[in-house]
Amino acid sequence: MVINPVAFGLSLFKMIMRREKLTVKASDVKSIKMSVNPPKEVVDADYKVIHDGEIKCWVGIGWITEGKASKSDYYKIPEVVNG
């Protein structure tokens, strides 16, 4: 299958072609950092992260759970790791 990056938009094309899992440090998604300067990976994923196998969404004052993450979600949404 050939995907035209112009037709889909470059950011969507990059997301489709990504082969490695995304990660973000837990210290980078604390409330104060998210309010002031959220990580680019989180912004690009529509303010979502995967934490303990669940998709969480930033709503301005905290995180809400949207549901369980699928295998493909790990290539589109960053997973929170310690560090």
PDB file of N, CA and C in Angstrom:
ATOM      1  N   MET A   1       0.836  -1.167   0.000  1.00  0.00           N
ATOM      2  CA  MET A   1       0.000   0.000   0.000  1.00  0.00           C
ATOM      3  C   MET A   1       0.891   1.244   0.000  1.00  0.00           C
ATOM      4  N   VAL A   2       0.591   2.171  -0.870  1.00  0.00           N
ATOM      5  CA  VAL A   2       1.347   3.413  -0.962  1.00  0.00           C
ATOM      6  C   VAL A   2       0.530   4.523  -0.317  1.00  0.00           C
ATOM      7  N   ILE A   3       1.161   5.260   0.571  1.00  0.00           N
ATOM      8  CA  ILE A   3       0.485   6.354   1.259  1.00  0.00           C
ATOM      9  C   ILE A   3       1.091   7.666   0.788  1.00  0.00           C
ATOM     10  N   ASN A   4       0.266   8.558   0.315  1.00  0.00           N
ATOM     11  CA  ASN A   4       0.709   9.859  -0.144  1.00  0.00           C
ATOM     12  C   ASN A   4       0.707  10.825   1.040  1.00  0.00           C
ATOM     13  N   PRO A   5       1.901  11.306   1.471  1.00  0.00           N
ATOM     14  CA  PRO A   5       1.942  12.198   2.633  1.00  0.00           C
ATOM     15  C   PRO A   5       1.227  13.522   2.404  1.00  0.00           C
ATOM     16  N   VAL A   6       1.124  13.979   1.159  1.00  0.00           N
ATOM     17  CA  VAL A   6       0.441  15.238   0.871  1.00  0.00           C
ATOM     18  C   VAL A   6      -1.062  15.081   1.079  1.00  0.00           C
ATOM     19  N   ALA A   7      -1.600  13.940   0.663  1.00  0.00           N
ATOM     20  CA  ALA A   7      -3.041  13.714   0.788  1.00  0.00           C
ATOM     21  C   ALA A   7      -3.469  13.563   2.239  1.00  0.00           C
ATOM     22  N   PHE A   8      -2.635  12.955   3.050  1.00  0.00           N
ATOM     23  CA  PHE A   8      -2.993  12.685   4.440  1.00  0.00           C
ATOM     24  C   PHE A   8      -2.486  13.742   5.409  1.00  0.00           C
ATOM     25  N   GLY A   9      -1.580  14.560   4.987  1.00  0.00           N
ATOM     26  CA  GLY A   9      -0.947  15.522   5.899  1.00  0.00           C
ATOM     27  C   GLY A   9       0.302  14.885   6.465  1.00  0.00           C
ATOM     28  N   LEU A  10       1.356  15.654   6.573  1.00  0.00           N
ATOM     29  CA  LEU A  10       2.648  15.116   6.983  1.00  0.00           C
ATOM     30  C   LEU A  10       2.632  14.532   8.389  1.00  0.00           C
ATOM     31  N   SER A  11       1.960  15.177   9.339  1.00  0.00           N
ATOM     32  CA  SER A  11       1.971  14.649  10.714  1.00  0.00           C
ATOM     33  C   SER A  11       1.264  13.300  10.796  1.00  0.00           C
ATOM     34  N   LEU A  12       0.153  13.143  10.076  1.00  0.00           N
ATOM     35  CA  LEU A  12      -0.541  11.856  10.056  1.00  0.00           C
ATOM     36  C   LEU A  12       0.322  10.800   9.369  1.00  0.00           C
ATOM     37  N   PHE A  13       0.993  11.186   8.299  1.00  0.00           N
ATOM     38  CA  PHE A  13       1.885  10.272   7.579  1.00  0.00           C
ATOM     39  C   PHE A  13       2.990   9.770   8.506  1.00  0.00           C
ATOM     40  N   LYS A  14       3.605  10.687   9.269  1.00  0.00           N
ATOM     41  CA  LYS A  14       4.666  10.293  10.202  1.00  0.00           C
ATOM     42  C   LYS A  14       4.121   9.336  11.259  1.00  0.00           C
ATOM     43  N   MET A  15       2.908   9.589  11.747  1.00  0.00           N
ATOM     44  CA  MET A  15       2.312   8.747  12.768  1.00  0.00           C
ATOM     45  C   MET A  15       2.043   7.346  12.215  1.00  0.00           C
ATOM     46  N   ILE A  16       1.566   7.259  10.967  1.00  0.00           N
ATOM     47  CA  ILE A  16       1.283   5.962  10.353  1.00  0.00           C
ATOM     48  C   ILE A  16       2.571   5.174  10.136  1.00  0.00           C
ATOM     49  N   MET A  17       3.633   5.852   9.749  1.00  0.00           N
ATOM     50  CA  MET A  17       4.883   5.184   9.409  1.00  0.00           C
ATOM     51  C   MET A  17       5.762   4.878  10.624  1.00  0.00           C
ATOM     52  N   ARG A  18       5.381   5.338  11.801  1.00  0.00           N
ATOM     53  CA  ARG A  18       6.181   5.126  13.004  1.00  0.00           C
ATOM     54  C   ARG A  18       6.208   3.639  13.350  1.00  0.00           C
ATOM     55  N   ARG A  19       7.382   3.140  13.661  1.00  0.00           N
ATOM     56  CA  ARG A  19       7.531   1.719  13.968  1.00  0.00           C
ATOM     57  C   ARG A  19       7.950   1.466  15.407  1.00  0.00           C
ATOM     58  N   GLU A  20       8.419   2.502  16.095  1.00  0.00           N
ATOM     59  CA  GLU A  20       8.832   2.329  17.477  1.00  0.00           C
ATOM     60  C   GLU A  20       7.773   2.918  18.408  1.00  0.00           C
ATOM     61  N   LYS A  21       7.747   2.380  19.611  1.00  0.00           N
ATOM     62  CA  LYS A  21       6.790   2.880  20.596  1.00  0.00           C
ATOM     63  C   LYS A  21       7.240   4.246  21.102  1.00  0.00           C
ATOM     64  N   LEU A  22       6.269   5.088  21.409  1.00  0.00           N
ATOM     65  CA  LEU A  22       6.541   6.416  21.938  1.00  0.00           C
ATOM     66  C   LEU A  22       6.587   6.363  23.455  1.00  0.00           C
ATOM     67  N   THR A  23       7.470   7.157  24.049  1.00  0.00           N
ATOM     68  CA  THR A  23       7.526   7.242  25.511  1.00  0.00           C
ATOM     69  C   THR A  23       7.668   8.708  25.925  1.00  0.00           C
ATOM     70  N   VAL A  24       7.295   8.983  27.150  1.00  0.00           N
ATOM     71  CA  VAL A  24       7.473  10.296  27.758  1.00  0.00           C
ATOM     72  C   VAL A  24       7.754  10.072  29.240  1.00  0.00           C
ATOM     73  N   LYS A  25       8.632  10.876  29.814  1.00  0.00           N
ATOM     74  CA  LYS A  25       8.996  10.725  31.227  1.00  0.00           C
ATOM     75  C   LYS A  25       7.838  11.164  32.119  1.00  0.00           C
ATOM     76  N   ALA A  26       7.658  10.433  33.206  1.00  0.00           N
ATOM     77  CA  ALA A  26       6.603  10.764  34.166  1.00  0.00           C
ATOM     78  C   ALA A  26       6.793  12.176  34.718  1.00  0.00           C
ATOM     79  N   SER A  27       8.033  12.576  34.915  1.00  0.00           N
ATOM     80  CA  SER A  27       8.296  13.919  35.449  1.00  0.00           C
ATOM     81  C   SER A  27       7.875  15.019  34.474  1.00  0.00           C
ATOM     82  N   ASP A  28       7.766  14.683  33.184  1.00  0.00           N
ATOM     83  CA  ASP A  28       7.374  15.674  32.178  1.00  0.00           C
ATOM     84  C   ASP A  28       5.861  15.828  32.025  1.00  0.00           C
ATOM     85  N   VAL A  29       5.086  14.956  32.661  1.00  0.00           N
ATOM     86  CA  VAL A  29       3.625  15.053  32.526  1.00  0.00           C
ATOM     87  C   VAL A  29       2.943  15.335  33.867  1.00  0.00           C
ATOM     88  N   LYS A  30       3.693  15.893  34.794  1.00  0.00           N
ATOM     89  CA  LYS A  30       3.091  16.336  36.062  1.00  0.00           C
ATOM     90  C   LYS A  30       2.245  17.571  35.795  1.00  0.00           C
ATOM     91  N   SER A  31       1.289  17.830  36.657  1.00  0.00           N
ATOM     92  CA  SER A  31       0.318  18.901  36.453  1.00  0.00           C
ATOM     93  C   SER A  31       0.948  20.254  36.153  1.00  0.00           C
ATOM     94  N   ILE A  32       1.967  20.643  36.897  1.00  0.00           N
ATOM     95  CA  ILE A  32       2.557  21.967  36.702  1.00  0.00           C
ATOM     96  C   ILE A  32       3.212  22.085  35.333  1.00  0.00           C
ATOM     97  N   LYS A  33       3.936  21.042  34.906  1.00  0.00           N
ATOM     98  CA  LYS A  33       4.574  21.084  33.589  1.00  0.00           C
ATOM     99  C   LYS A  33       3.547  21.040  32.468  1.00  0.00           C
ATOM    100  N   MET A  34       2.499  20.252  32.646  1.00  0.00           N
ATOM    101  CA  MET A  34       1.461  20.172  31.618  1.00  0.00           C
ATOM    102  C   MET A  34       0.753  21.514  31.457  1.00  0.00           C
ATOM    103  N   SER A  35       0.576  22.242  32.541  1.00  0.00           N
ATOM    104  CA  SER A  35      -0.103  23.538  32.490  1.00  0.00           C
ATOM    105  C   SER A  35       0.752  24.612  31.823  1.00  0.00           C
ATOM    106  N   VAL A  36       2.073  24.525  32.015  1.00  0.00           N
ATOM    107  CA  VAL A  36       2.970  25.570  31.528  1.00  0.00           C
ATOM    108  C   VAL A  36       3.593  25.234  30.180  1.00  0.00           C
ATOM    109  N   ASN A  37       4.138  24.028  30.059  1.00  0.00           N
ATOM    110  CA  ASN A  37       4.878  23.657  28.856  1.00  0.00           C
ATOM    111  C   ASN A  37       4.787  22.151  28.616  1.00  0.00           C
ATOM    112  N   PRO A  38       3.672  21.671  28.057  1.00  0.00           N
ATOM    113  CA  PRO A  38       3.526  20.220  27.855  1.00  0.00           C
ATOM    114  C   PRO A  38       4.513  19.695  26.808  1.00  0.00           C
ATOM    115  N   PRO A  39       4.957  18.451  26.953  1.00  0.00           N
ATOM    116  CA  PRO A  39       5.883  17.869  25.979  1.00  0.00           C
ATOM    117  C   PRO A  39       5.252  17.793  24.586  1.00  0.00           C
ATOM    118  N   LYS A  40       6.067  17.993  23.570  1.00  0.00           N
ATOM    119  CA  LYS A  40       5.595  17.971  22.188  1.00  0.00           C
ATOM    120  C   LYS A  40       4.922  16.638  21.849  1.00  0.00           C
ATOM    121  N   GLU A  41       5.475  15.533  22.360  1.00  0.00           N
ATOM    122  CA  GLU A  41       4.895  14.217  22.075  1.00  0.00           C
ATOM    123  C   GLU A  41       3.454  14.132  22.556  1.00  0.00           C
ATOM    124  N   VAL A  42       3.169  14.737  23.702  1.00  0.00           N
ATOM    125  CA  VAL A  42       1.820  14.709  24.276  1.00  0.00           C
ATOM    126  C   VAL A  42       0.890  15.626  23.475  1.00  0.00           C
ATOM    127  N   VAL A  43       1.381  16.794  23.119  1.00  0.00           N
ATOM    128  CA  VAL A  43       0.585  17.726  22.313  1.00  0.00           C
ATOM    129  C   VAL A  43       0.234  17.083  20.977  1.00  0.00           C
ATOM    130  N   ASP A  44       1.218  16.445  20.329  1.00  0.00           N
ATOM    131  CA  ASP A  44       0.992  15.799  19.035  1.00  0.00           C
ATOM    132  C   ASP A  44      -0.007  14.656  19.115  1.00  0.00           C
ATOM    133  N   ALA A  45      -0.152  14.062  20.303  1.00  0.00           N
ATOM    134  CA  ALA A  45      -1.092  12.950  20.508  1.00  0.00           C
ATOM    135  C   ALA A  45      -2.414  13.463  21.075  1.00  0.00           C
ATOM    136  N   ASP A  46      -2.755  14.718  20.810  1.00  0.00           N
ATOM    137  CA  ASP A  46      -4.001  15.333  21.290  1.00  0.00           C
ATOM    138  C   ASP A  46      -4.101  15.311  22.811  1.00  0.00           C
ATOM    139  N   TYR A  47      -2.979  15.569  23.464  1.00  0.00           N
ATOM    140  CA  TYR A  47      -2.910  15.650  24.938  1.00  0.00           C
ATOM    141  C   TYR A  47      -3.296  14.324  25.604  1.00  0.00           C
ATOM    142  N   LYS A  48      -2.871  13.231  24.993  1.00  0.00           N
ATOM    143  CA  LYS A  48      -3.134  11.899  25.555  1.00  0.00           C
ATOM    144  C   LYS A  48      -1.823  11.195  25.859  1.00  0.00           C
ATOM    145  N   VAL A  49      -1.845  10.330  26.873  1.00  0.00           N
ATOM    146  CA  VAL A  49      -0.726   9.451  27.204  1.00  0.00           C
ATOM    147  C   VAL A  49      -1.298   8.085  27.576  1.00  0.00           C
ATOM    148  N   ILE A  50      -0.421   7.097  27.592  1.00  0.00           N
ATOM    149  CA  ILE A  50      -0.791   5.771  28.088  1.00  0.00           C
ATOM    150  C   ILE A  50      -0.085   5.586  29.424  1.00  0.00           C
ATOM    151  N   HIS A  51      -0.857   5.271  30.454  1.00  0.00           N
ATOM    152  CA  HIS A  51      -0.308   5.046  31.788  1.00  0.00           C
ATOM    153  C   HIS A  51      -0.958   3.803  32.370  1.00  0.00           C
ATOM    154  N   ASP A  52      -0.140   2.831  32.751  1.00  0.00           N
ATOM    155  CA  ASP A  52      -0.636   1.560  33.302  1.00  0.00           C
ATOM    156  C   ASP A  52      -1.652   0.898  32.381  1.00  0.00           C
ATOM    157  N   GLY A  53      -1.406   0.960  31.062  1.00  0.00           N
ATOM    158  CA  GLY A  53      -2.263   0.285  30.090  1.00  0.00           C
ATOM    159  C   GLY A  53      -3.553   1.013  29.765  1.00  0.00           C
ATOM    160  N   GLU A  54      -3.736   2.218  30.302  1.00  0.00           N
ATOM    161  CA  GLU A  54      -4.943   2.995  30.045  1.00  0.00           C
ATOM    162  C   GLU A  54      -4.595   4.311  29.351  1.00  0.00           C
ATOM    163  N   ILE A  55      -5.477   4.744  28.465  1.00  0.00           N
ATOM    164  CA  ILE A  55      -5.306   6.030  27.805  1.00  0.00           C
ATOM    165  C   ILE A  55      -5.847   7.112  28.729  1.00  0.00           C
ATOM    166  N   LYS A  56      -4.991   8.110  28.996  1.00  0.00           N
ATOM    167  CA  LYS A  56      -5.377   9.243  29.843  1.00  0.00           C
ATOM    168  C   LYS A  56      -5.331  10.504  28.992  1.00  0.00           C
ATOM    169  N   CYS A  57      -6.254  11.411  29.233  1.00  0.00           N
ATOM    170  CA  CYS A  57      -6.326  12.653  28.479  1.00  0.00           C
ATOM    171  C   CYS A  57      -6.221  13.841  29.435  1.00  0.00           C
ATOM    172  N   TRP A  58      -5.368  14.804  29.080  1.00  0.00           N
ATOM    173  CA  TRP A  58      -5.194  16.015  29.881  1.00  0.00           C
ATOM    174  C   TRP A  58      -6.362  16.953  29.618  1.00  0.00           C
ATOM    175  N   VAL A  59      -7.030  17.402  30.665  1.00  0.00           N
ATOM    176  CA  VAL A  59      -8.201  18.268  30.522  1.00  0.00           C
ATOM    177  C   VAL A  59      -7.978  19.661  31.131  1.00  0.00           C
ATOM    178  N   GLY A  60      -6.734  20.059  31.281  1.00  0.00           N
ATOM    179  CA  GLY A  60      -6.440  21.399  31.768  1.00  0.00           C
ATOM    180  C   GLY A  60      -6.123  21.487  33.243  1.00  0.00           C
ATOM    181  N   ILE A  61      -6.719  20.625  34.038  1.00  0.00           N
ATOM    182  CA  ILE A  61      -6.446  20.632  35.482  1.00  0.00           C
ATOM    183  C   ILE A  61      -6.045  19.253  36.000  1.00  0.00           C
ATOM    184  N   GLY A  62      -6.030  18.273  35.126  1.00  0.00           N
ATOM    185  CA  GLY A  62      -5.685  16.912  35.530  1.00  0.00           C
ATOM    186  C   GLY A  62      -5.938  15.925  34.404  1.00  0.00           C
ATOM    187  N   TRP A  63      -5.798  14.655  34.725  1.00  0.00           N
ATOM    188  CA  TRP A  63      -5.941  13.576  33.751  1.00  0.00           C
ATOM    189  C   TRP A  63      -7.250  12.828  33.960  1.00  0.00           C
ATOM    190  N   ILE A  64      -7.921  12.479  32.866  1.00  0.00           N
ATOM    191  CA  ILE A  64      -9.093  11.606  32.939  1.00  0.00           C
ATOM    192  C   ILE A  64      -8.788  10.341  32.138  1.00  0.00           C
ATOM    193  N   THR A  65      -9.376   9.244  32.541  1.00  0.00           N
ATOM    194  CA  THR A  65      -9.173   7.968  31.857  1.00  0.00           C
ATOM    195  C   THR A  65     -10.190   7.828  30.739  1.00  0.00           C
ATOM    196  N   GLU A  66      -9.683   7.525  29.545  1.00  0.00           N
ATOM    197  CA  GLU A  66     -10.566   7.332  28.384  1.00  0.00           C
ATOM    198  C   GLU A  66     -10.851   5.872  28.102  1.00  0.00           C
ATOM    199  N   GLY A  67      -9.972   4.981  28.533  1.00  0.00           N
ATOM    200  CA  GLY A  67     -10.193   3.557  28.295  1.00  0.00           C
ATOM    201  C   GLY A  67      -8.881   2.810  28.187  1.00  0.00           C
ATOM    202  N   LYS A  68      -8.990   1.540  27.876  1.00  0.00           N
ATOM    203  CA  LYS A  68      -7.836   0.664  27.782  1.00  0.00           C
ATOM    204  C   LYS A  68      -7.119   0.888  26.450  1.00  0.00           C
ATOM    205  N   ALA A  69      -5.780   0.875  26.492  1.00  0.00           N
ATOM    206  CA  ALA A  69      -4.965   1.082  25.299  1.00  0.00           C
ATOM    207  C   ALA A  69      -4.834  -0.214  24.505  1.00  0.00           C
ATOM    208  N   SER A  70      -4.954  -0.117  23.193  1.00  0.00           N
ATOM    209  CA  SER A  70      -4.736  -1.266  22.311  1.00  0.00           C
ATOM    210  C   SER A  70      -3.259  -1.309  21.911  1.00  0.00           C
ATOM    211  N   LYS A  71      -2.843  -2.376  21.277  1.00  0.00           N
ATOM    212  CA  LYS A  71      -1.442  -2.505  20.853  1.00  0.00           C
ATOM    213  C   LYS A  71      -1.050  -1.385  19.898  1.00  0.00           C
ATOM    214  N   SER A  72      -1.927  -1.021  19.002  1.00  0.00           N
ATOM    215  CA  SER A  72      -1.601   0.031  18.032  1.00  0.00           C
ATOM    216  C   SER A  72      -1.519   1.411  18.681  1.00  0.00           C
ATOM    217  N   ASP A  73      -2.195   1.617  19.806  1.00  0.00           N
ATOM    218  CA  ASP A  73      -2.146   2.907  20.494  1.00  0.00           C
ATOM    219  C   ASP A  73      -0.728   3.260  20.942  1.00  0.00           C
ATOM    220  N   TYR A  74       0.075   2.251  21.256  1.00  0.00           N
ATOM    221  CA  TYR A  74       1.427   2.491  21.748  1.00  0.00           C
ATOM    222  C   TYR A  74       2.329   3.114  20.677  1.00  0.00           C
ATOM    223  N   TYR A  75       1.917   3.088  19.409  1.00  0.00           N
ATOM    224  CA  TYR A  75       2.682   3.692  18.315  1.00  0.00           C
ATOM    225  C   TYR A  75       2.148   5.084  17.971  1.00  0.00           C
ATOM    226  N   LYS A  76       1.017   5.476  18.563  1.00  0.00           N
ATOM    227  CA  LYS A  76       0.393   6.781  18.288  1.00  0.00           C
ATOM    228  C   LYS A  76       0.372   7.688  19.503  1.00  0.00           C
ATOM    229  N   ILE A  77       0.365   7.083  20.702  1.00  0.00           N
ATOM    230  CA  ILE A  77       0.241   7.827  21.958  1.00  0.00           C
ATOM    231  C   ILE A  77       1.434   7.459  22.839  1.00  0.00           C
ATOM    232  N   PRO A  78       2.140   8.454  23.399  1.00  0.00           N
ATOM    233  CA  PRO A  78       3.304   8.126  24.233  1.00  0.00           C
ATOM    234  C   PRO A  78       2.928   7.424  25.536  1.00  0.00           C
ATOM    235  N   GLU A  79       3.760   6.479  25.914  1.00  0.00           N
ATOM    236  CA  GLU A  79       3.578   5.767  27.181  1.00  0.00           C
ATOM    237  C   GLU A  79       4.420   6.441  28.261  1.00  0.00           C
ATOM    238  N   VAL A  80       3.852   6.614  29.432  1.00  0.00           N
ATOM    239  CA  VAL A  80       4.560   7.232  30.551  1.00  0.00           C
ATOM    240  C   VAL A  80       5.529   6.208  31.145  1.00  0.00           C
ATOM    241  N   VAL A  81       6.804   6.631  31.248  1.00  0.00           N
ATOM    242  CA  VAL A  81       7.827   5.777  31.845  1.00  0.00           C
ATOM    243  C   VAL A  81       8.491   6.535  32.989  1.00  0.00           C
ATOM    244  N   ASN A  82       9.012   5.811  33.965  1.00  0.00           N
ATOM    245  CA  ASN A  82       9.731   6.448  35.073  1.00  0.00           C
ATOM    246  C   ASN A  82      11.059   6.971  34.570  1.00  0.00           C
ATOM    247  N   GLY A  83      11.443   8.095  35.104  1.00  0.00           N
ATOM    248  CA  GLY A  83      12.748   8.610  34.719  1.00  0.00           C
ATOM    249  C   GLY A  83      12.809  10.106  34.692  1.00  0.00           C
TER     250      GLY A  83
END
